[in-house]
PDB file of N, CA and C in Angstrom:
ATOM      1  N   UNK A   1      75.231 129.257  60.863  1.00  0.00           N
ATOM      2  CA  UNK A   1      75.596 127.845  60.830  1.00  0.00           C
ATOM      3  C   UNK A   1      76.998 127.701  61.397  1.00  0.00           C
ATOM      4  N   UNK A   2      77.170 126.727  62.288  1.00  0.00           N
ATOM      5  CA  UNK A   2      78.487 126.493  62.867  1.00  0.00           C
ATOM      6  C   UNK A   2      79.334 125.661  61.915  1.00  0.00           C
ATOM      7  N   UNK A   3      80.626 125.631  62.178  1.00  0.00           N
ATOM      8  CA  UNK A   3      81.526 124.808  61.365  1.00  0.00           C
ATOM      9  C   UNK A   3      81.127 123.350  61.442  1.00  0.00           C
ATOM     10  N   UNK A   4      80.671 122.928  62.620  1.00  0.00           N
ATOM     11  CA  UNK A   4      80.272 121.539  62.800  1.00  0.00           C
ATOM     12  C   UNK A   4      79.046 121.230  61.951  1.00  0.00           C
ATOM     13  N   UNK A   5      78.060 122.133  61.926  1.00  0.00           N
ATOM     14  CA  UNK A   5      76.863 121.922  61.122  1.00  0.00           C
ATOM     15  C   UNK A   5      77.195 121.912  59.627  1.00  0.00           C
ATOM     16  N   UNK A   6      78.202 122.667  59.249  1.00  0.00           N
ATOM     17  CA  UNK A   6      78.589 122.746  57.850  1.00  0.00           C
ATOM     18  C   UNK A   6      79.450 121.564  57.436  1.00  0.00           C
ATOM     19  N   UNK A   7      79.689 120.643  58.362  1.00  0.00           N
ATOM     20  CA  UNK A   7      80.470 119.461  58.038  1.00  0.00           C
ATOM     21  C   UNK A   7      81.945 119.628  58.344  1.00  0.00           C
ATOM     22  N   UNK A   8      82.322 120.767  58.931  1.00  0.00           N
ATOM     23  CA  UNK A   8      83.715 121.013  59.279  1.00  0.00           C
ATOM     24  C   UNK A   8      84.054 120.433  60.631  1.00  0.00           C
ATOM     25  N   UNK A   9      85.241 120.728  61.083  1.00  0.00           N
ATOM     26  CA  UNK A   9      85.706 120.253  62.384  1.00  0.00           C
ATOM     27  C   UNK A   9      84.996 121.007  63.503  1.00  0.00           C
ATOM     28  N   UNK A  10      84.784 120.340  64.610  1.00  0.00           N
ATOM     29  CA  UNK A  10      84.244 120.988  65.800  1.00  0.00           C
ATOM     30  C   UNK A  10      85.332 121.864  66.401  1.00  0.00           C
ATOM     31  N   UNK A  11      84.956 122.971  67.050  1.00  0.00           N
ATOM     32  CA  UNK A  11      85.952 123.821  67.700  1.00  0.00           C
ATOM     33  C   UNK A  11      86.759 123.034  68.724  1.00  0.00           C
ATOM     34  N   UNK A  12      87.969 123.491  69.003  1.00  0.00           N
ATOM     35  CA  UNK A  12      88.842 122.813  69.969  1.00  0.00           C
ATOM     36  C   UNK A  12      88.116 122.641  71.292  1.00  0.00           C
ATOM     37  N   UNK A  13      88.142 121.435  71.847  1.00  0.00           N
ATOM     38  CA  UNK A  13      87.491 121.149  73.119  1.00  0.00           C
ATOM     39  C   UNK A  13      86.025 120.783  72.990  1.00  0.00           C
ATOM     40  N   UNK A  14      85.394 121.157  71.887  1.00  0.00           N
ATOM     41  CA  UNK A  14      83.982 120.829  71.702  1.00  0.00           C
ATOM     42  C   UNK A  14      83.854 119.366  71.286  1.00  0.00           C
ATOM     43  N   UNK A  15      82.685 118.815  71.494  1.00  0.00           N
ATOM     44  CA  UNK A  15      82.454 117.426  71.162  1.00  0.00           C
ATOM     45  C   UNK A  15      81.841 117.342  69.773  1.00  0.00           C
ATOM     46  N   UNK A  16      82.440 116.542  68.912  1.00  0.00           N
ATOM     47  CA  UNK A  16      81.912 116.330  67.574  1.00  0.00           C
ATOM     48  C   UNK A  16      80.730 115.375  67.602  1.00  0.00           C
ATOM     49  N   UNK A  17      80.001 115.331  66.511  1.00  0.00           N
ATOM     50  CA  UNK A  17      78.805 114.509  66.427  1.00  0.00           C
ATOM     51  C   UNK A  17      79.109 113.024  66.627  1.00  0.00           C
ATOM     52  N   UNK A  18      80.146 112.522  66.004  1.00  0.00           N
ATOM     53  CA  UNK A  18      80.481 111.098  66.151  1.00  0.00           C
ATOM     54  C   UNK A  18      80.773 110.749  67.606  1.00  0.00           C
ATOM     55  N   UNK A  19      81.521 111.607  68.275  1.00  0.00           N
ATOM     56  CA  UNK A  19      81.839 111.373  69.691  1.00  0.00           C
ATOM     57  C   UNK A  19      80.566 111.440  70.539  1.00  0.00           C
ATOM     58  N   UNK A  20      79.707 112.404  70.242  1.00  0.00           N
ATOM     59  CA  UNK A  20      78.457 112.559  70.971  1.00  0.00           C
ATOM     60  C   UNK A  20      77.588 111.314  70.831  1.00  0.00           C
ATOM     61  N   UNK A  21      77.499 110.778  69.624  1.00  0.00           N
ATOM     62  CA  UNK A  21      76.669 109.597  69.382  1.00  0.00           C
ATOM     63  C   UNK A  21      77.259 108.324  69.964  1.00  0.00           C
ATOM     64  N   UNK A  22      78.554 108.332  70.282  1.00  0.00           N
ATOM     65  CA  UNK A  22      79.220 107.153  70.833  1.00  0.00           C
ATOM     66  C   UNK A  22      79.227 107.121  72.364  1.00  0.00           C
ATOM     67  N   UNK A  23      78.600 108.094  73.007  1.00  0.00           N
ATOM     68  CA  UNK A  23      78.602 108.149  74.471  1.00  0.00           C
ATOM     69  C   UNK A  23      77.838 106.974  75.069  1.00  0.00           C
ATOM     70  N   UNK A  24      78.250 106.535  76.274  1.00  0.00           N
ATOM     71  CA  UNK A  24      77.514 105.475  76.974  1.00  0.00           C
ATOM     72  C   UNK A  24      76.158 105.987  77.469  1.00  0.00           C
ATOM     73  N   UNK A  25      75.382 105.124  78.099  1.00  0.00           N
ATOM     74  CA  UNK A  25      74.020 105.451  78.535  1.00  0.00           C
ATOM     75  C   UNK A  25      73.948 106.658  79.472  1.00  0.00           C
ATOM     76  N   UNK A  26      74.927 106.810  80.354  1.00  0.00           N
ATOM     77  CA  UNK A  26      75.005 107.999  81.199  1.00  0.00           C
ATOM     78  C   UNK A  26      76.439 108.511  81.157  1.00  0.00           C
ATOM     79  N   UNK A  27      76.580 109.811  81.395  1.00  0.00           N
ATOM     80  CA  UNK A  27      77.910 110.425  81.413  1.00  0.00           C
ATOM     81  C   UNK A  27      78.052 111.291  82.651  1.00  0.00           C
ATOM     82  N   UNK A  28      79.289 111.630  82.971  1.00  0.00           N
ATOM     83  CA  UNK A  28      79.502 112.517  84.116  1.00  0.00           C
ATOM     84  C   UNK A  28      79.218 113.963  83.717  1.00  0.00           C
ATOM     85  N   UNK A  29      79.186 114.840  84.684  1.00  0.00           N
ATOM     86  CA  UNK A  29      78.835 116.239  84.447  1.00  0.00           C
ATOM     87  C   UNK A  29      79.854 116.926  83.545  1.00  0.00           C
ATOM     88  N   UNK A  30      81.124 116.600  83.694  1.00  0.00           N
ATOM     89  CA  UNK A  30      82.159 117.212  82.854  1.00  0.00           C
ATOM     90  C   UNK A  30      81.924 116.883  81.386  1.00  0.00           C
ATOM     91  N   UNK A  31      81.620 115.633  81.090  1.00  0.00           N
ATOM     92  CA  UNK A  31      81.366 115.211  79.714  1.00  0.00           C
ATOM     93  C   UNK A  31      80.093 115.858  79.175  1.00  0.00           C
ATOM     94  N   UNK A  32      79.038 115.887  79.983  1.00  0.00           N
ATOM     95  CA  UNK A  32      77.787 116.520  79.556  1.00  0.00           C
ATOM     96  C   UNK A  32      78.001 118.005  79.292  1.00  0.00           C
ATOM     97  N   UNK A  33      78.756 118.652  80.165  1.00  0.00           N
ATOM     98  CA  UNK A  33      79.054 120.064  79.963  1.00  0.00           C
ATOM     99  C   UNK A  33      79.821 120.294  78.668  1.00  0.00           C
ATOM    100  N   UNK A  34      80.780 119.441  78.401  1.00  0.00           N
ATOM    101  CA  UNK A  34      81.553 119.554  77.160  1.00  0.00           C
ATOM    102  C   UNK A  34      80.646 119.409  75.941  1.00  0.00           C
ATOM    103  N   UNK A  35      79.718 118.466  75.994  1.00  0.00           N
ATOM    104  CA  UNK A  35      78.771 118.283  74.892  1.00  0.00           C
ATOM    105  C   UNK A  35      77.907 119.524  74.699  1.00  0.00           C
ATOM    106  N   UNK A  36      77.566 120.185  75.808  1.00  0.00           N
ATOM    107  CA  UNK A  36      76.739 121.383  75.752  1.00  0.00           C
ATOM    108  C   UNK A  36      77.543 122.661  75.489  1.00  0.00           C
ATOM    109  N   UNK A  37      78.858 122.527  75.505  1.00  0.00           N
ATOM    110  CA  UNK A  37      79.708 123.695  75.256  1.00  0.00           C
ATOM    111  C   UNK A  37      79.924 124.568  76.471  1.00  0.00           C
ATOM    112  N   UNK A  38      79.803 123.977  77.664  1.00  0.00           N
ATOM    113  CA  UNK A  38      80.049 124.730  78.893  1.00  0.00           C
ATOM    114  C   UNK A  38      81.087 123.992  79.728  1.00  0.00           C
ATOM    115  N   UNK A  39      81.748 124.698  80.591  1.00  0.00           N
ATOM    116  CA  UNK A  39      82.773 124.117  81.436  1.00  0.00           C
ATOM    117  C   UNK A  39      82.197 123.377  82.634  1.00  0.00           C
ATOM    118  N   UNK A  40      83.059 122.640  83.285  1.00  0.00           N
ATOM    119  CA  UNK A  40      82.679 121.829  84.445  1.00  0.00           C
ATOM    120  C   UNK A  40      82.082 122.681  85.558  1.00  0.00           C
ATOM    121  N   UNK A  41      82.757 123.771  85.923  1.00  0.00           N
ATOM    122  CA  UNK A  41      82.277 124.613  87.023  1.00  0.00           C
ATOM    123  C   UNK A  41      80.905 125.208  86.708  1.00  0.00           C
ATOM    124  N   UNK A  42      80.720 125.681  85.487  1.00  0.00           N
ATOM    125  CA  UNK A  42      79.432 126.252  85.088  1.00  0.00           C
ATOM    126  C   UNK A  42      78.352 125.181  85.099  1.00  0.00           C
ATOM    127  N   UNK A  43      78.678 123.969  84.645  1.00  0.00           N
ATOM    128  CA  UNK A  43      77.707 122.874  84.643  1.00  0.00           C
ATOM    129  C   UNK A  43      77.240 122.575  86.065  1.00  0.00           C
ATOM    130  N   UNK A  44      78.179 122.467  87.002  1.00  0.00           N
ATOM    131  CA  UNK A  44      77.796 122.193  88.391  1.00  0.00           C
ATOM    132  C   UNK A  44      77.006 123.354  88.991  1.00  0.00           C
ATOM    133  N   UNK A  45      77.368 124.574  88.634  1.00  0.00           N
ATOM    134  CA  UNK A  45      76.608 125.737  89.110  1.00  0.00           C
ATOM    135  C   UNK A  45      75.167 125.671  88.610  1.00  0.00           C
ATOM    136  N   UNK A  46      74.982 125.348  87.346  1.00  0.00           N
ATOM    137  CA  UNK A  46      73.637 125.244  86.780  1.00  0.00           C
ATOM    138  C   UNK A  46      72.843 124.115  87.434  1.00  0.00           C
ATOM    139  N   UNK A  47      73.502 123.015  87.745  1.00  0.00           N
ATOM    140  CA  UNK A  47      72.821 121.919  88.437  1.00  0.00           C
ATOM    141  C   UNK A  47      72.366 122.384  89.815  1.00  0.00           C
ATOM    142  N   UNK A  48      73.256 123.064  90.544  1.00  0.00           N
ATOM    143  CA  UNK A  48      72.918 123.555  91.892  1.00  0.00           C
ATOM    144  C   UNK A  48      71.753 124.528  91.873  1.00  0.00           C
ATOM    145  N   UNK A  49      71.677 125.369  90.834  1.00  0.00           N
ATOM    146  CA  UNK A  49      70.634 126.403  90.777  1.00  0.00           C
ATOM    147  C   UNK A  49      69.394 125.967  90.009  1.00  0.00           C
ATOM    148  N   UNK A  50      69.384 124.725  89.524  1.00  0.00           N
ATOM    149  CA  UNK A  50      68.219 124.223  88.803  1.00  0.00           C
ATOM    150  C   UNK A  50      68.142 124.674  87.356  1.00  0.00           C
ATOM    151  N   UNK A  51      69.243 125.189  86.812  1.00  0.00           N
ATOM    152  CA  UNK A  51      69.232 125.693  85.445  1.00  0.00           C
ATOM    153  C   UNK A  51      69.883 124.794  84.413  1.00  0.00           C
ATOM    154  N   UNK A  52      70.318 123.604  84.822  1.00  0.00           N
ATOM    155  CA  UNK A  52      70.950 122.701  83.866  1.00  0.00           C
ATOM    156  C   UNK A  52      69.881 122.201  82.903  1.00  0.00           C
ATOM    157  N   UNK A  53      70.132 122.218  81.603  1.00  0.00           N
ATOM    158  CA  UNK A  53      69.074 121.927  80.628  1.00  0.00           C
ATOM    159  C   UNK A  53      68.682 120.461  80.495  1.00  0.00           C
ATOM    160  N   UNK A  54      69.310 119.594  81.262  1.00  0.00           N
ATOM    161  CA  UNK A  54      69.056 118.160  81.172  1.00  0.00           C
ATOM    162  C   UNK A  54      68.855 117.602  82.580  1.00  0.00           C
ATOM    163  N   UNK A  55      67.946 116.658  82.704  1.00  0.00           N
ATOM    164  CA  UNK A  55      67.726 115.994  84.002  1.00  0.00           C
ATOM    165  C   UNK A  55      69.017 115.304  84.430  1.00  0.00           C
ATOM    166  N   UNK A  56      69.320 115.384  85.701  1.00  0.00           N
ATOM    167  CA  UNK A  56      70.505 114.725  86.229  1.00  0.00           C
ATOM    168  C   UNK A  56      70.082 113.667  87.236  1.00  0.00           C
ATOM    169  N   UNK A  57      70.966 112.697  87.453  1.00  0.00           N
ATOM    170  CA  UNK A  57      70.715 111.622  88.395  1.00  0.00           C
ATOM    171  C   UNK A  57      71.744 111.698  89.512  1.00  0.00           C
ATOM    172  N   UNK A  58      71.286 111.951  90.729  1.00  0.00           N
ATOM    173  CA  UNK A  58      72.179 111.957  91.885  1.00  0.00           C
ATOM    174  C   UNK A  58      72.293 110.535  92.385  1.00  0.00           C
ATOM    175  N   UNK A  59      73.485 109.979  92.288  1.00  0.00           N
ATOM    176  CA  UNK A  59      73.723 108.599  92.697  1.00  0.00           C
ATOM    177  C   UNK A  59      74.805 108.597  93.769  1.00  0.00           C
ATOM    178  N   UNK A  60      74.371 108.620  95.013  1.00  0.00           N
ATOM    179  CA  UNK A  60      75.330 108.718  96.106  1.00  0.00           C
ATOM    180  C   UNK A  60      76.048 110.052  96.035  1.00  0.00           C
ATOM    181  N   UNK A  61      77.364 110.004  95.954  1.00  0.00           N
ATOM    182  CA  UNK A  61      78.151 111.227  95.901  1.00  0.00           C
ATOM    183  C   UNK A  61      78.492 111.678  94.490  1.00  0.00           C
ATOM    184  N   UNK A  62      77.855 111.083  93.487  1.00  0.00           N
ATOM    185  CA  UNK A  62      78.157 111.447  92.103  1.00  0.00           C
ATOM    186  C   UNK A  62      76.888 111.867  91.375  1.00  0.00           C
ATOM    187  N   UNK A  63      77.069 112.590  90.291  1.00  0.00           N
ATOM    188  CA  UNK A  63      75.947 113.027  89.463  1.00  0.00           C
ATOM    189  C   UNK A  63      76.178 112.501  88.059  1.00  0.00           C
ATOM    190  N   UNK A  64      75.163 111.874  87.498  1.00  0.00           N
ATOM    191  CA  UNK A  64      75.238 111.353  86.128  1.00  0.00           C
ATOM    192  C   UNK A  64      74.166 112.031  85.289  1.00  0.00           C
ATOM    193  N   UNK A  65      74.414 112.087  83.983  1.00  0.00           N
ATOM    194  CA  UNK A  65      73.482 112.696  83.049  1.00  0.00           C
ATOM    195  C   UNK A  65      73.084 111.638  82.015  1.00  0.00           C
ATOM    196  N   UNK A  66      71.777 111.378  81.859  1.00  0.00           N
ATOM    197  CA  UNK A  66      71.343 110.402  80.862  1.00  0.00           C
ATOM    198  C   UNK A  66      71.669 110.902  79.446  1.00  0.00           C
ATOM    199  N   UNK A  67      72.382 110.099  78.695  1.00  0.00           N
ATOM    200  CA  UNK A  67      72.818 110.497  77.358  1.00  0.00           C
ATOM    201  C   UNK A  67      71.640 110.739  76.425  1.00  0.00           C
ATOM    202  N   UNK A  68      70.591 109.930  76.514  1.00  0.00           N
ATOM    203  CA  UNK A  68      69.425 110.121  75.635  1.00  0.00           C
ATOM    204  C   UNK A  68      68.822 111.506  75.826  1.00  0.00           C
ATOM    205  N   UNK A  69      68.782 111.978  77.066  1.00  0.00           N
ATOM    206  CA  UNK A  69      68.240 113.311  77.325  1.00  0.00           C
ATOM    207  C   UNK A  69      69.192 114.402  76.836  1.00  0.00           C
ATOM    208  N   UNK A  70      70.473 114.127  76.912  1.00  0.00           N
ATOM    209  CA  UNK A  70      71.473 115.057  76.378  1.00  0.00           C
ATOM    210  C   UNK A  70      71.303 115.171  74.862  1.00  0.00           C
ATOM    211  N   UNK A  71      71.141 114.030  74.192  1.00  0.00           N
ATOM    212  CA  UNK A  71      70.917 114.035  72.740  1.00  0.00           C
ATOM    213  C   UNK A  71      69.659 114.837  72.400  1.00  0.00           C
ATOM    214  N   UNK A  72      68.601 114.645  73.189  1.00  0.00           N
ATOM    215  CA  UNK A  72      67.341 115.357  72.945  1.00  0.00           C
ATOM    216  C   UNK A  72      67.538 116.862  73.074  1.00  0.00           C
ATOM    217  N   UNK A  73      68.229 117.289  74.121  1.00  0.00           N
ATOM    218  CA  UNK A  73      68.475 118.714  74.341  1.00  0.00           C
ATOM    219  C   UNK A  73      69.299 119.325  73.207  1.00  0.00           C
ATOM    220  N   UNK A  74      70.160 118.514  72.610  1.00  0.00           N
ATOM    221  CA  UNK A  74      71.015 118.988  71.526  1.00  0.00           C
ATOM    222  C   UNK A  74      70.400 118.781  70.145  1.00  0.00           C
ATOM    223  N   UNK A  75      69.219 118.167  70.103  1.00  0.00           N
ATOM    224  CA  UNK A  75      68.523 117.981  68.835  1.00  0.00           C
ATOM    225  C   UNK A  75      69.100 116.898  67.945  1.00  0.00           C
ATOM    226  N   UNK A  76      69.764 115.909  68.530  1.00  0.00           N
ATOM    227  CA  UNK A  76      70.338 114.838  67.722  1.00  0.00           C
ATOM    228  C   UNK A  76      69.670 113.492  67.982  1.00  0.00           C
ATOM    229  N   UNK A  77      68.553 113.474  68.695  1.00  0.00           N
ATOM    230  CA  UNK A  77      67.913 112.208  69.028  1.00  0.00           C
ATOM    231  C   UNK A  77      67.450 111.446  67.795  1.00  0.00           C
ATOM    232  N   UNK A  78      67.001 112.115  66.740  1.00  0.00           N
ATOM    233  CA  UNK A  78      66.570 111.445  65.532  1.00  0.00           C
ATOM    234  C   UNK A  78      67.716 110.784  64.798  1.00  0.00           C
ATOM    235  N   UNK A  79      68.902 111.328  64.952  1.00  0.00           N
ATOM    236  CA  UNK A  79      70.078 110.756  64.284  1.00  0.00           C
ATOM    237  C   UNK A  79      70.453 109.406  64.877  1.00  0.00           C
ATOM    238  N   UNK A  80      70.185 109.212  66.164  1.00  0.00           N
ATOM    239  CA  UNK A  80      70.536 107.959  66.800  1.00  0.00           C
ATOM    240  C   UNK A  80      69.679 106.826  66.256  1.00  0.00           C
ATOM    241  N   UNK A  81      68.414 107.079  65.995  1.00  0.00           N
ATOM    242  CA  UNK A  81      67.523 106.059  65.440  1.00  0.00           C
ATOM    243  C   UNK A  81      67.929 105.716  64.002  1.00  0.00           C
ATOM    244  N   UNK A  82      68.353 106.727  63.248  1.00  0.00           N
ATOM    245  CA  UNK A  82      68.737 106.510  61.866  1.00  0.00           C
ATOM    246  C   UNK A  82      70.022 105.684  61.764  1.00  0.00           C
ATOM    247  N   UNK A  83      70.862 105.742  62.791  1.00  0.00           N
ATOM    248  CA  UNK A  83      72.127 105.017  62.775  1.00  0.00           C
ATOM    249  C   UNK A  83      71.964 103.564  63.177  1.00  0.00           C
ATOM    250  N   UNK A  84      70.890 103.245  63.912  1.00  0.00           N
ATOM    251  CA  UNK A  84      70.704 101.922  64.489  1.00  0.00           C
ATOM    252  C   UNK A  84      70.311 100.880  63.545  1.00  0.00           C
TER     253      UNK A  84
END
């Protein structure tokens, strides 16, 4: 069990549950990587190689990640319904 799961503070740089649940409909790759616990460079590498665990949206010269899919990958999708 992680400190976050035990109700403690999230590790430095990691995204806590409240912050994760407050994300807008889509986020940039850096934010998605932070939520997943990986760095920006690794996130972009995984996107390039098809290994990123969440569907991404290529919009012109930018890449966005749907927050609902990020929540699903992290297993917090049920919490969003309970909060609404």
